[in-house]
């Protein structure tokens, strides 16, 4: 079983930094290449660029939570949730506010 993981192309777990503008501020995010690839796929499905998707996710999590302690980790978890949902393991997510779905 471990061969599935240990034989992964090392380029997938190599980290890469990207600069982007969020709320008018240029910031740098460092993620593994595999996560950049997944974010690119999500953005394409949603008809956005990767930077637009990341900025939108930031806006939405800030609106919902009021803060983001570790945005890079949030993005990694978002990627894994996307993959799980794509495989049908996680039902489509809906925001529940004030008892309204």
PDB file of N, CA and C in Angstrom:
ATOM      1  N   UNK A   1       0.807  -1.186   0.000  1.00  0.00           N
ATOM      2  CA  UNK A   1       0.000   0.000   0.000  1.00  0.00           C
ATOM      3  C   UNK A   1       0.860   1.263   0.000  1.00  0.00           C
ATOM      4  N   UNK A   2       1.937   1.279   0.736  1.00  0.00           N
ATOM      5  CA  UNK A   2       2.759   2.479   0.846  1.00  0.00           C
ATOM      6  C   UNK A   2       3.384   2.868  -0.481  1.00  0.00           C
ATOM      7  N   UNK A   3       3.532   1.912  -1.402  1.00  0.00           N
ATOM      8  CA  UNK A   3       4.107   2.237  -2.704  1.00  0.00           C
ATOM      9  C   UNK A   3       3.308   3.318  -3.414  1.00  0.00           C
ATOM     10  N   UNK A   4       2.006   3.309  -3.242  1.00  0.00           N
ATOM     11  CA  UNK A   4       1.151   4.328  -3.843  1.00  0.00           C
ATOM     12  C   UNK A   4       1.615   5.720  -3.442  1.00  0.00           C
ATOM     13  N   UNK A   5       2.042   5.859  -2.202  1.00  0.00           N
ATOM     14  CA  UNK A   5       2.450   7.154  -1.677  1.00  0.00           C
ATOM     15  C   UNK A   5       3.924   7.442  -1.917  1.00  0.00           C
ATOM     16  N   UNK A   6       4.789   6.482  -1.639  1.00  0.00           N
ATOM     17  CA  UNK A   6       6.227   6.743  -1.721  1.00  0.00           C
ATOM     18  C   UNK A   6       6.718   6.873  -3.158  1.00  0.00           C
ATOM     19  N   UNK A   7       5.968   6.366  -4.110  1.00  0.00           N
ATOM     20  CA  UNK A   7       6.373   6.477  -5.507  1.00  0.00           C
ATOM     21  C   UNK A   7       5.838   7.744  -6.173  1.00  0.00           C
ATOM     22  N   UNK A   8       5.236   8.626  -5.383  1.00  0.00           N
ATOM     23  CA  UNK A   8       4.739   9.888  -5.938  1.00  0.00           C
ATOM     24  C   UNK A   8       5.909  10.699  -6.483  1.00  0.00           C
ATOM     25  N   UNK A   9       5.667  11.384  -7.568  1.00  0.00           N
ATOM     26  CA  UNK A   9       6.684  12.248  -8.166  1.00  0.00           C
ATOM     27  C   UNK A   9       7.061  13.325  -7.150  1.00  0.00           C
ATOM     28  N   UNK A  10       8.340  13.459  -6.808  1.00  0.00           N
ATOM     29  CA  UNK A  10       8.767  14.457  -5.815  1.00  0.00           C
ATOM     30  C   UNK A  10       8.368  15.887  -6.169  1.00  0.00           C
ATOM     31  N   UNK A  11       8.167  16.172  -7.429  1.00  0.00           N
ATOM     32  CA  UNK A  11       7.758  17.521  -7.816  1.00  0.00           C
ATOM     33  C   UNK A  11       6.389  17.861  -7.224  1.00  0.00           C
ATOM     34  N   UNK A  12       5.561  16.843  -6.967  1.00  0.00           N
ATOM     35  CA  UNK A  12       4.231  17.077  -6.409  1.00  0.00           C
ATOM     36  C   UNK A  12       4.286  17.616  -4.981  1.00  0.00           C
ATOM     37  N   UNK A  13       5.274  17.197  -4.211  1.00  0.00           N
ATOM     38  CA  UNK A  13       5.343  17.676  -2.831  1.00  0.00           C
ATOM     39  C   UNK A  13       6.417  18.738  -2.619  1.00  0.00           C
ATOM     40  N   UNK A  14       6.985  19.201  -3.717  1.00  0.00           N
ATOM     41  CA  UNK A  14       7.883  20.351  -3.646  1.00  0.00           C
ATOM     42  C   UNK A  14       7.030  21.617  -3.470  1.00  0.00           C
ATOM     43  N   UNK A  15       7.468  22.504  -2.608  1.00  0.00           N
ATOM     44  CA  UNK A  15       6.715  23.737  -2.350  1.00  0.00           C
ATOM     45  C   UNK A  15       7.054  24.815  -3.363  1.00  0.00           C
ATOM     46  N   UNK A  16       6.059  25.649  -3.628  1.00  0.00           N
ATOM     47  CA  UNK A  16       6.248  26.777  -4.537  1.00  0.00           C
ATOM     48  C   UNK A  16       5.503  27.971  -3.966  1.00  0.00           C
ATOM     49  N   UNK A  17       6.116  29.116  -4.033  1.00  0.00           N
ATOM     50  CA  UNK A  17       5.489  30.354  -3.561  1.00  0.00           C
ATOM     51  C   UNK A  17       4.910  31.109  -4.741  1.00  0.00           C
ATOM     52  N   UNK A  18       3.765  31.747  -4.485  1.00  0.00           N
ATOM     53  CA  UNK A  18       3.144  32.610  -5.485  1.00  0.00           C
ATOM     54  C   UNK A  18       2.709  33.894  -4.804  1.00  0.00           C
ATOM     55  N   UNK A  19       2.892  34.986  -5.496  1.00  0.00           N
ATOM     56  CA  UNK A  19       2.415  36.271  -4.989  1.00  0.00           C
ATOM     57  C   UNK A  19       1.076  36.581  -5.623  1.00  0.00           C
ATOM     58  N   UNK A  20       0.175  37.121  -4.822  1.00  0.00           N
ATOM     59  CA  UNK A  20      -1.121  37.520  -5.322  1.00  0.00           C
ATOM     60  C   UNK A  20      -1.667  38.650  -4.471  1.00  0.00           C
ATOM     61  N   UNK A  21      -2.693  39.287  -4.968  1.00  0.00           N
ATOM     62  CA  UNK A  21      -3.290  40.427  -4.281  1.00  0.00           C
ATOM     63  C   UNK A  21      -4.598  39.961  -3.640  1.00  0.00           C
ATOM     64  N   UNK A  22      -4.687  40.167  -2.324  1.00  0.00           N
ATOM     65  CA  UNK A  22      -5.908  39.866  -1.580  1.00  0.00           C
ATOM     66  C   UNK A  22      -6.298  41.124  -0.827  1.00  0.00           C
ATOM     67  N   UNK A  23      -7.503  41.579  -1.080  1.00  0.00           N
ATOM     68  CA  UNK A  23      -7.995  42.814  -0.465  1.00  0.00           C
ATOM     69  C   UNK A  23      -7.035  43.975  -0.673  1.00  0.00           C
ATOM     70  N   UNK A  24      -6.461  44.042  -1.871  1.00  0.00           N
ATOM     71  CA  UNK A  24      -5.583  45.142  -2.216  1.00  0.00           C
ATOM     72  C   UNK A  24      -4.167  45.030  -1.690  1.00  0.00           C
ATOM     73  N   UNK A  25      -3.866  43.963  -0.980  1.00  0.00           N
ATOM     74  CA  UNK A  25      -2.537  43.781  -0.400  1.00  0.00           C
ATOM     75  C   UNK A  25      -1.843  42.618  -1.111  1.00  0.00           C
ATOM     76  N   UNK A  26      -0.620  42.852  -1.566  1.00  0.00           N
ATOM     77  CA  UNK A  26       0.151  41.777  -2.182  1.00  0.00           C
ATOM     78  C   UNK A  26       0.677  40.871  -1.074  1.00  0.00           C
ATOM     79  N   UNK A  27       0.407  39.594  -1.217  1.00  0.00           N
ATOM     80  CA  UNK A  27       0.851  38.618  -0.228  1.00  0.00           C
ATOM     81  C   UNK A  27       1.443  37.417  -0.950  1.00  0.00           C
ATOM     82  N   UNK A  28       2.184  36.621  -0.236  1.00  0.00           N
ATOM     83  CA  UNK A  28       2.805  35.429  -0.811  1.00  0.00           C
ATOM     84  C   UNK A  28       2.266  34.198  -0.102  1.00  0.00           C
ATOM     85  N   UNK A  29       1.889  33.218  -0.892  1.00  0.00           N
ATOM     86  CA  UNK A  29       1.431  31.928  -0.360  1.00  0.00           C
ATOM     87  C   UNK A  29       2.406  30.845  -0.795  1.00  0.00           C
ATOM     88  N   UNK A  30       2.712  29.958   0.128  1.00  0.00           N
ATOM     89  CA  UNK A  30       3.600  28.836  -0.180  1.00  0.00           C
ATOM     90  C   UNK A  30       2.810  27.550   0.021  1.00  0.00           C
ATOM     91  N   UNK A  31       2.655  26.790  -1.062  1.00  0.00           N
ATOM     92  CA  UNK A  31       1.953  25.513  -1.029  1.00  0.00           C
ATOM     93  C   UNK A  31       2.731  24.496  -1.858  1.00  0.00           C
ATOM     94  N   UNK A  32       2.450  23.233  -1.622  1.00  0.00           N
ATOM     95  CA  UNK A  32       3.029  22.184  -2.425  1.00  0.00           C
ATOM     96  C   UNK A  32       2.411  22.237  -3.828  1.00  0.00           C
ATOM     97  N   UNK A  33       3.180  21.818  -4.827  1.00  0.00           N
ATOM     98  CA  UNK A  33       2.715  21.861  -6.215  1.00  0.00           C
ATOM     99  C   UNK A  33       1.390  21.137  -6.427  1.00  0.00           C
ATOM    100  N   UNK A  34       1.194  20.033  -5.747  1.00  0.00           N
ATOM    101  CA  UNK A  34      -0.061  19.294  -5.915  1.00  0.00           C
ATOM    102  C   UNK A  34      -1.257  20.165  -5.523  1.00  0.00           C
ATOM    103  N   UNK A  35      -1.127  20.941  -4.463  1.00  0.00           N
ATOM    104  CA  UNK A  35      -2.233  21.809  -4.055  1.00  0.00           C
ATOM    105  C   UNK A  35      -2.444  22.945  -5.049  1.00  0.00           C
ATOM    106  N   UNK A  36      -1.371  23.485  -5.609  1.00  0.00           N
ATOM    107  CA  UNK A  36      -1.533  24.499  -6.657  1.00  0.00           C
ATOM    108  C   UNK A  36      -2.294  23.921  -7.843  1.00  0.00           C
ATOM    109  N   UNK A  37      -1.988  22.660  -8.183  1.00  0.00           N
ATOM    110  CA  UNK A  37      -2.683  22.003  -9.297  1.00  0.00           C
ATOM    111  C   UNK A  37      -4.174  21.842  -9.004  1.00  0.00           C
ATOM    112  N   UNK A  38      -4.497  21.446  -7.785  1.00  0.00           N
ATOM    113  CA  UNK A  38      -5.899  21.259  -7.410  1.00  0.00           C
ATOM    114  C   UNK A  38      -6.626  22.598  -7.405  1.00  0.00           C
ATOM    115  N   UNK A  39      -6.006  23.634  -6.852  1.00  0.00           N
ATOM    116  CA  UNK A  39      -6.625  24.961  -6.860  1.00  0.00           C
ATOM    117  C   UNK A  39      -6.856  25.437  -8.287  1.00  0.00           C
ATOM    118  N   UNK A  40      -5.928  25.150  -9.178  1.00  0.00           N
ATOM    119  CA  UNK A  40      -6.081  25.515 -10.582  1.00  0.00           C
ATOM    120  C   UNK A  40      -7.287  24.796 -11.194  1.00  0.00           C
ATOM    121  N   UNK A  41      -7.459  23.533 -10.855  1.00  0.00           N
ATOM    122  CA  UNK A  41      -8.606  22.756 -11.348  1.00  0.00           C
ATOM    123  C   UNK A  41      -9.926  23.335 -10.828  1.00  0.00           C
ATOM    124  N   UNK A  42      -9.967  23.642  -9.545  1.00  0.00           N
ATOM    125  CA  UNK A  42     -11.181  24.227  -8.956  1.00  0.00           C
ATOM    126  C   UNK A  42     -11.499  25.549  -9.647  1.00  0.00           C
ATOM    127  N   UNK A  43     -10.477  26.377  -9.836  1.00  0.00           N
ATOM    128  CA  UNK A  43     -10.672  27.679 -10.477  1.00  0.00           C
ATOM    129  C   UNK A  43     -11.211  27.509 -11.888  1.00  0.00           C
ATOM    130  N   UNK A  44     -10.658  26.569 -12.617  1.00  0.00           N
ATOM    131  CA  UNK A  44     -11.111  26.334 -13.986  1.00  0.00           C
ATOM    132  C   UNK A  44     -12.579  25.908 -14.014  1.00  0.00           C
ATOM    133  N   UNK A  45     -12.955  25.014 -13.116  1.00  0.00           N
ATOM    134  CA  UNK A  45     -14.346  24.560 -13.027  1.00  0.00           C
ATOM    135  C   UNK A  45     -15.275  25.733 -12.731  1.00  0.00           C
ATOM    136  N   UNK A  46     -14.800  26.665 -11.910  1.00  0.00           N
ATOM    137  CA  UNK A  46     -15.611  27.824 -11.525  1.00  0.00           C
ATOM    138  C   UNK A  46     -15.443  29.018 -12.472  1.00  0.00           C
ATOM    139  N   UNK A  47     -14.668  28.852 -13.547  1.00  0.00           N
ATOM    140  CA  UNK A  47     -14.491  29.912 -14.528  1.00  0.00           C
ATOM    141  C   UNK A  47     -13.692  31.096 -14.023  1.00  0.00           C
ATOM    142  N   UNK A  48     -12.685  30.814 -13.202  1.00  0.00           N
ATOM    143  CA  UNK A  48     -11.835  31.869 -12.638  1.00  0.00           C
ATOM    144  C   UNK A  48     -10.370  31.519 -12.834  1.00  0.00           C
ATOM    145  N   UNK A  49      -9.523  32.500 -12.553  1.00  0.00           N
ATOM    146  CA  UNK A  49      -8.103  32.216 -12.452  1.00  0.00           C
ATOM    147  C   UNK A  49      -7.845  31.684 -11.038  1.00  0.00           C
ATOM    148  N   UNK A  50      -6.705  31.090 -10.844  1.00  0.00           N
ATOM    149  CA  UNK A  50      -6.354  30.585  -9.517  1.00  0.00           C
ATOM    150  C   UNK A  50      -6.298  31.728  -8.505  1.00  0.00           C
ATOM    151  N   UNK A  51      -5.715  32.849  -8.902  1.00  0.00           N
ATOM    152  CA  UNK A  51      -5.631  33.991  -7.990  1.00  0.00           C
ATOM    153  C   UNK A  51      -7.018  34.525  -7.636  1.00  0.00           C
ATOM    154  N   UNK A  52      -7.925  34.575  -8.605  1.00  0.00           N
ATOM    155  CA  UNK A  52      -9.291  35.024  -8.323  1.00  0.00           C
ATOM    156  C   UNK A  52      -9.976  34.077  -7.346  1.00  0.00           C
ATOM    157  N   UNK A  53      -9.793  32.778  -7.543  1.00  0.00           N
ATOM    158  CA  UNK A  53     -10.392  31.788  -6.642  1.00  0.00           C
ATOM    159  C   UNK A  53      -9.867  31.972  -5.224  1.00  0.00           C
ATOM    160  N   UNK A  54      -8.563  32.119  -5.082  1.00  0.00           N
ATOM    161  CA  UNK A  54      -7.967  32.258  -3.754  1.00  0.00           C
ATOM    162  C   UNK A  54      -8.482  33.525  -3.073  1.00  0.00           C
ATOM    163  N   UNK A  55      -8.550  34.618  -3.803  1.00  0.00           N
ATOM    164  CA  UNK A  55      -9.069  35.865  -3.236  1.00  0.00           C
ATOM    165  C   UNK A  55     -10.527  35.707  -2.819  1.00  0.00           C
ATOM    166  N   UNK A  56     -11.316  35.008  -3.634  1.00  0.00           N
ATOM    167  CA  UNK A  56     -12.729  34.777  -3.309  1.00  0.00           C
ATOM    168  C   UNK A  56     -12.865  33.901  -2.064  1.00  0.00           C
ATOM    169  N   UNK A  57     -12.063  32.850  -1.979  1.00  0.00           N
ATOM    170  CA  UNK A  57     -12.095  31.991  -0.792  1.00  0.00           C
ATOM    171  C   UNK A  57     -11.729  32.797   0.456  1.00  0.00           C
ATOM    172  N   UNK A  58     -10.736  33.654   0.335  1.00  0.00           N
ATOM    173  CA  UNK A  58     -10.336  34.479   1.470  1.00  0.00           C
ATOM    174  C   UNK A  58     -11.488  35.377   1.905  1.00  0.00           C
ATOM    175  N   UNK A  59     -12.106  36.047   0.941  1.00  0.00           N
ATOM    176  CA  UNK A  59     -13.247  36.925   1.246  1.00  0.00           C
ATOM    177  C   UNK A  59     -14.354  36.147   1.951  1.00  0.00           C
ATOM    178  N   UNK A  60     -14.683  34.977   1.420  1.00  0.00           N
ATOM    179  CA  UNK A  60     -15.787  34.192   1.972  1.00  0.00           C
ATOM    180  C   UNK A  60     -15.487  33.668   3.370  1.00  0.00           C
ATOM    181  N   UNK A  61     -14.268  33.187   3.599  1.00  0.00           N
ATOM    182  CA  UNK A  61     -13.947  32.670   4.932  1.00  0.00           C
ATOM    183  C   UNK A  61     -13.874  33.817   5.940  1.00  0.00           C
ATOM    184  N   UNK A  62     -13.404  34.972   5.504  1.00  0.00           N
ATOM    185  CA  UNK A  62     -13.379  36.135   6.399  1.00  0.00           C
ATOM    186  C   UNK A  62     -14.797  36.589   6.734  1.00  0.00           C
ATOM    187  N   UNK A  63     -15.680  36.605   5.731  1.00  0.00           N
ATOM    188  CA  UNK A  63     -17.075  36.981   5.976  1.00  0.00           C
ATOM    189  C   UNK A  63     -17.753  35.993   6.926  1.00  0.00           C
ATOM    190  N   UNK A  64     -17.427  34.722   6.772  1.00  0.00           N
ATOM    191  CA  UNK A  64     -18.083  33.680   7.560  1.00  0.00           C
ATOM    192  C   UNK A  64     -17.479  33.538   8.958  1.00  0.00           C
ATOM    193  N   UNK A  65     -16.145  33.570   9.051  1.00  0.00           N
ATOM    194  CA  UNK A  65     -15.444  33.321  10.317  1.00  0.00           C
ATOM    195  C   UNK A  65     -14.908  34.586  10.987  1.00  0.00           C
ATOM    196  N   UNK A  66     -14.617  35.617  10.202  1.00  0.00           N
ATOM    197  CA  UNK A  66     -14.060  36.842  10.776  1.00  0.00           C
ATOM    198  C   UNK A  66     -12.553  36.846  10.899  1.00  0.00           C
ATOM    199  N   UNK A  67     -11.930  35.696  10.748  1.00  0.00           N
ATOM    200  CA  UNK A  67     -10.474  35.598  10.779  1.00  0.00           C
ATOM    201  C   UNK A  67     -10.034  34.289  10.145  1.00  0.00           C
ATOM    202  N   UNK A  68      -8.776  34.263   9.742  1.00  0.00           N
ATOM    203  CA  UNK A  68      -8.177  33.041   9.199  1.00  0.00           C
ATOM    204  C   UNK A  68      -6.826  32.902   9.872  1.00  0.00           C
ATOM    205  N   UNK A  69      -6.705  31.919  10.739  1.00  0.00           N
ATOM    206  CA  UNK A  69      -5.467  31.745  11.495  1.00  0.00           C
ATOM    207  C   UNK A  69      -4.337  31.277  10.586  1.00  0.00           C
ATOM    208  N   UNK A  70      -4.616  30.315   9.716  1.00  0.00           N
ATOM    209  CA  UNK A  70      -3.587  29.782   8.820  1.00  0.00           C
ATOM    210  C   UNK A  70      -4.228  29.575   7.449  1.00  0.00           C
ATOM    211  N   UNK A  71      -4.135  30.581   6.593  1.00  0.00           N
ATOM    212  CA  UNK A  71      -4.817  30.542   5.310  1.00  0.00           C
ATOM    213  C   UNK A  71      -4.272  29.437   4.406  1.00  0.00           C
ATOM    214  N   UNK A  72      -2.978  29.182   4.431  1.00  0.00           N
ATOM    215  CA  UNK A  72      -2.409  28.107   3.607  1.00  0.00           C
ATOM    216  C   UNK A  72      -3.005  26.757   4.010  1.00  0.00           C
ATOM    217  N   UNK A  73      -3.157  26.524   5.293  1.00  0.00           N
ATOM    218  CA  UNK A  73      -3.781  25.274   5.749  1.00  0.00           C
ATOM    219  C   UNK A  73      -5.244  25.220   5.335  1.00  0.00           C
ATOM    220  N   UNK A  74      -5.930  26.365   5.424  1.00  0.00           N
ATOM    221  CA  UNK A  74      -7.319  26.434   4.963  1.00  0.00           C
ATOM    222  C   UNK A  74      -7.412  26.019   3.492  1.00  0.00           C
ATOM    223  N   UNK A  75      -6.480  26.499   2.670  1.00  0.00           N
ATOM    224  CA  UNK A  75      -6.494  26.143   1.250  1.00  0.00           C
ATOM    225  C   UNK A  75      -6.231  24.660   1.039  1.00  0.00           C
ATOM    226  N   UNK A  76      -5.315  24.082   1.805  1.00  0.00           N
ATOM    227  CA  UNK A  76      -5.046  22.646   1.687  1.00  0.00           C
ATOM    228  C   UNK A  76      -6.291  21.831   2.043  1.00  0.00           C
ATOM    229  N   UNK A  77      -6.942  22.209   3.128  1.00  0.00           N
ATOM    230  CA  UNK A  77      -8.164  21.502   3.542  1.00  0.00           C
ATOM    231  C   UNK A  77      -9.257  21.690   2.494  1.00  0.00           C
ATOM    232  N   UNK A  78      -9.362  22.892   1.933  1.00  0.00           N
ATOM    233  CA  UNK A  78     -10.342  23.135   0.876  1.00  0.00           C
ATOM    234  C   UNK A  78     -10.095  22.210  -0.310  1.00  0.00           C
ATOM    235  N   UNK A  79      -8.832  22.003  -0.653  1.00  0.00           N
ATOM    236  CA  UNK A  79      -8.491  21.094  -1.755  1.00  0.00           C
ATOM    237  C   UNK A  79      -8.913  19.662  -1.455  1.00  0.00           C
ATOM    238  N   UNK A  80      -8.637  19.208  -0.242  1.00  0.00           N
ATOM    239  CA  UNK A  80      -9.005  17.831   0.092  1.00  0.00           C
ATOM    240  C   UNK A  80     -10.527  17.672   0.161  1.00  0.00           C
ATOM    241  N   UNK A  81     -11.229  18.701   0.622  1.00  0.00           N
ATOM    242  CA  UNK A  81     -12.696  18.651   0.639  1.00  0.00           C
ATOM    243  C   UNK A  81     -13.248  18.627  -0.788  1.00  0.00           C
ATOM    244  N   UNK A  82     -12.635  19.396  -1.676  1.00  0.00           N
ATOM    245  CA  UNK A  82     -13.037  19.387  -3.086  1.00  0.00           C
ATOM    246  C   UNK A  82     -12.872  17.986  -3.666  1.00  0.00           C
ATOM    247  N   UNK A  83     -11.719  17.368  -3.430  1.00  0.00           N
ATOM    248  CA  UNK A  83     -11.475  16.028  -3.962  1.00  0.00           C
ATOM    249  C   UNK A  83     -12.452  15.011  -3.386  1.00  0.00           C
ATOM    250  N   UNK A  84     -12.744  15.114  -2.092  1.00  0.00           N
ATOM    251  CA  UNK A  84     -13.711  14.206  -1.468  1.00  0.00           C
ATOM    252  C   UNK A  84     -15.096  14.400  -2.059  1.00  0.00           C
ATOM    253  N   UNK A  85     -15.487  15.643  -2.245  1.00  0.00           N
ATOM    254  CA  UNK A  85     -16.801  15.940  -2.821  1.00  0.00           C
ATOM    255  C   UNK A  85     -16.879  15.433  -4.254  1.00  0.00           C
ATOM    256  N   UNK A  86     -15.808  15.612  -4.992  1.00  0.00           N
ATOM    257  CA  UNK A  86     -15.762  15.144  -6.384  1.00  0.00           C
ATOM    258  C   UNK A  86     -15.927  13.635  -6.461  1.00  0.00           C
ATOM    259  N   UNK A  87     -15.392  12.929  -5.487  1.00  0.00           N
ATOM    260  CA  UNK A  87     -15.527  11.471  -5.443  1.00  0.00           C
ATOM    261  C   UNK A  87     -16.868  11.037  -4.873  1.00  0.00           C
ATOM    262  N   UNK A  88     -17.665  12.001  -4.417  1.00  0.00           N
ATOM    263  CA  UNK A  88     -18.976  11.676  -3.889  1.00  0.00           C
ATOM    264  C   UNK A  88     -18.976  11.273  -2.433  1.00  0.00           C
ATOM    265  N   UNK A  89     -17.872  11.529  -1.733  1.00  0.00           N
ATOM    266  CA  UNK A  89     -17.788  11.135  -0.334  1.00  0.00           C
ATOM    267  C   UNK A  89     -18.306  12.203   0.608  1.00  0.00           C
ATOM    268  N   UNK A  90     -18.409  13.437   0.152  1.00  0.00           N
ATOM    269  CA  UNK A  90     -18.901  14.522   0.988  1.00  0.00           C
ATOM    270  C   UNK A  90     -20.087  15.128   0.263  1.00  0.00           C
ATOM    271  N   UNK A  91     -21.238  15.225   0.935  1.00  0.00           N
ATOM    272  CA  UNK A  91     -22.379  15.848   0.257  1.00  0.00           C
ATOM    273  C   UNK A  91     -22.071  17.293  -0.075  1.00  0.00           C
ATOM    274  N   UNK A  92     -22.749  17.800  -1.082  1.00  0.00           N
ATOM    275  CA  UNK A  92     -22.570  19.199  -1.480  1.00  0.00           C
ATOM    276  C   UNK A  92     -22.771  20.076  -0.262  1.00  0.00           C
ATOM    277  N   UNK A  93     -21.900  21.059  -0.115  1.00  0.00           N
ATOM    278  CA  UNK A  93     -21.913  21.920   1.055  1.00  0.00           C
ATOM    279  C   UNK A  93     -22.900  23.056   0.868  1.00  0.00           C
ATOM    280  N   UNK A  94     -23.602  23.388   1.920  1.00  0.00           N
ATOM    281  CA  UNK A  94     -24.464  24.564   1.889  1.00  0.00           C
ATOM    282  C   UNK A  94     -24.252  25.323   3.180  1.00  0.00           C
ATOM    283  N   UNK A  95     -24.322  26.624   3.080  1.00  0.00           N
ATOM    284  CA  UNK A  95     -24.145  27.471   4.255  1.00  0.00           C
ATOM    285  C   UNK A  95     -25.476  27.588   4.947  1.00  0.00           C
ATOM    286  N   UNK A  96     -25.479  27.347   6.246  1.00  0.00           N
ATOM    287  CA  UNK A  96     -26.699  27.468   7.032  1.00  0.00           C
ATOM    288  C   UNK A  96     -26.559  28.699   7.910  1.00  0.00           C
ATOM    289  N   UNK A  97     -27.426  29.674   7.693  1.00  0.00           N
ATOM    290  CA  UNK A  97     -27.414  30.895   8.497  1.00  0.00           C
ATOM    291  C   UNK A  97     -28.815  31.139   9.029  1.00  0.00           C
ATOM    292  N   UNK A  98     -28.902  31.396  10.297  1.00  0.00           N
ATOM    293  CA  UNK A  98     -30.168  31.737  10.949  1.00  0.00           C
ATOM    294  C   UNK A  98     -31.248  30.699  10.642  1.00  0.00           C
ATOM    295  N   UNK A  99     -30.836  29.433  10.567  1.00  0.00           N
ATOM    296  CA  UNK A  99     -31.805  28.363  10.363  1.00  0.00           C
ATOM    297  C   UNK A  99     -32.322  28.226   8.954  1.00  0.00           C
ATOM    298  N   UNK A 100     -31.766  28.987   8.000  1.00  0.00           N
ATOM    299  CA  UNK A 100     -32.225  28.906   6.613  1.00  0.00           C
ATOM    300  C   UNK A 100     -31.166  28.197   5.799  1.00  0.00           C
ATOM    301  N   UNK A 101     -31.573  27.200   5.043  1.00  0.00           N
ATOM    302  CA  UNK A 101     -30.629  26.470   4.187  1.00  0.00           C
ATOM    303  C   UNK A 101     -30.588  27.099   2.826  1.00  0.00           C
TER     304      UNK A 101
END
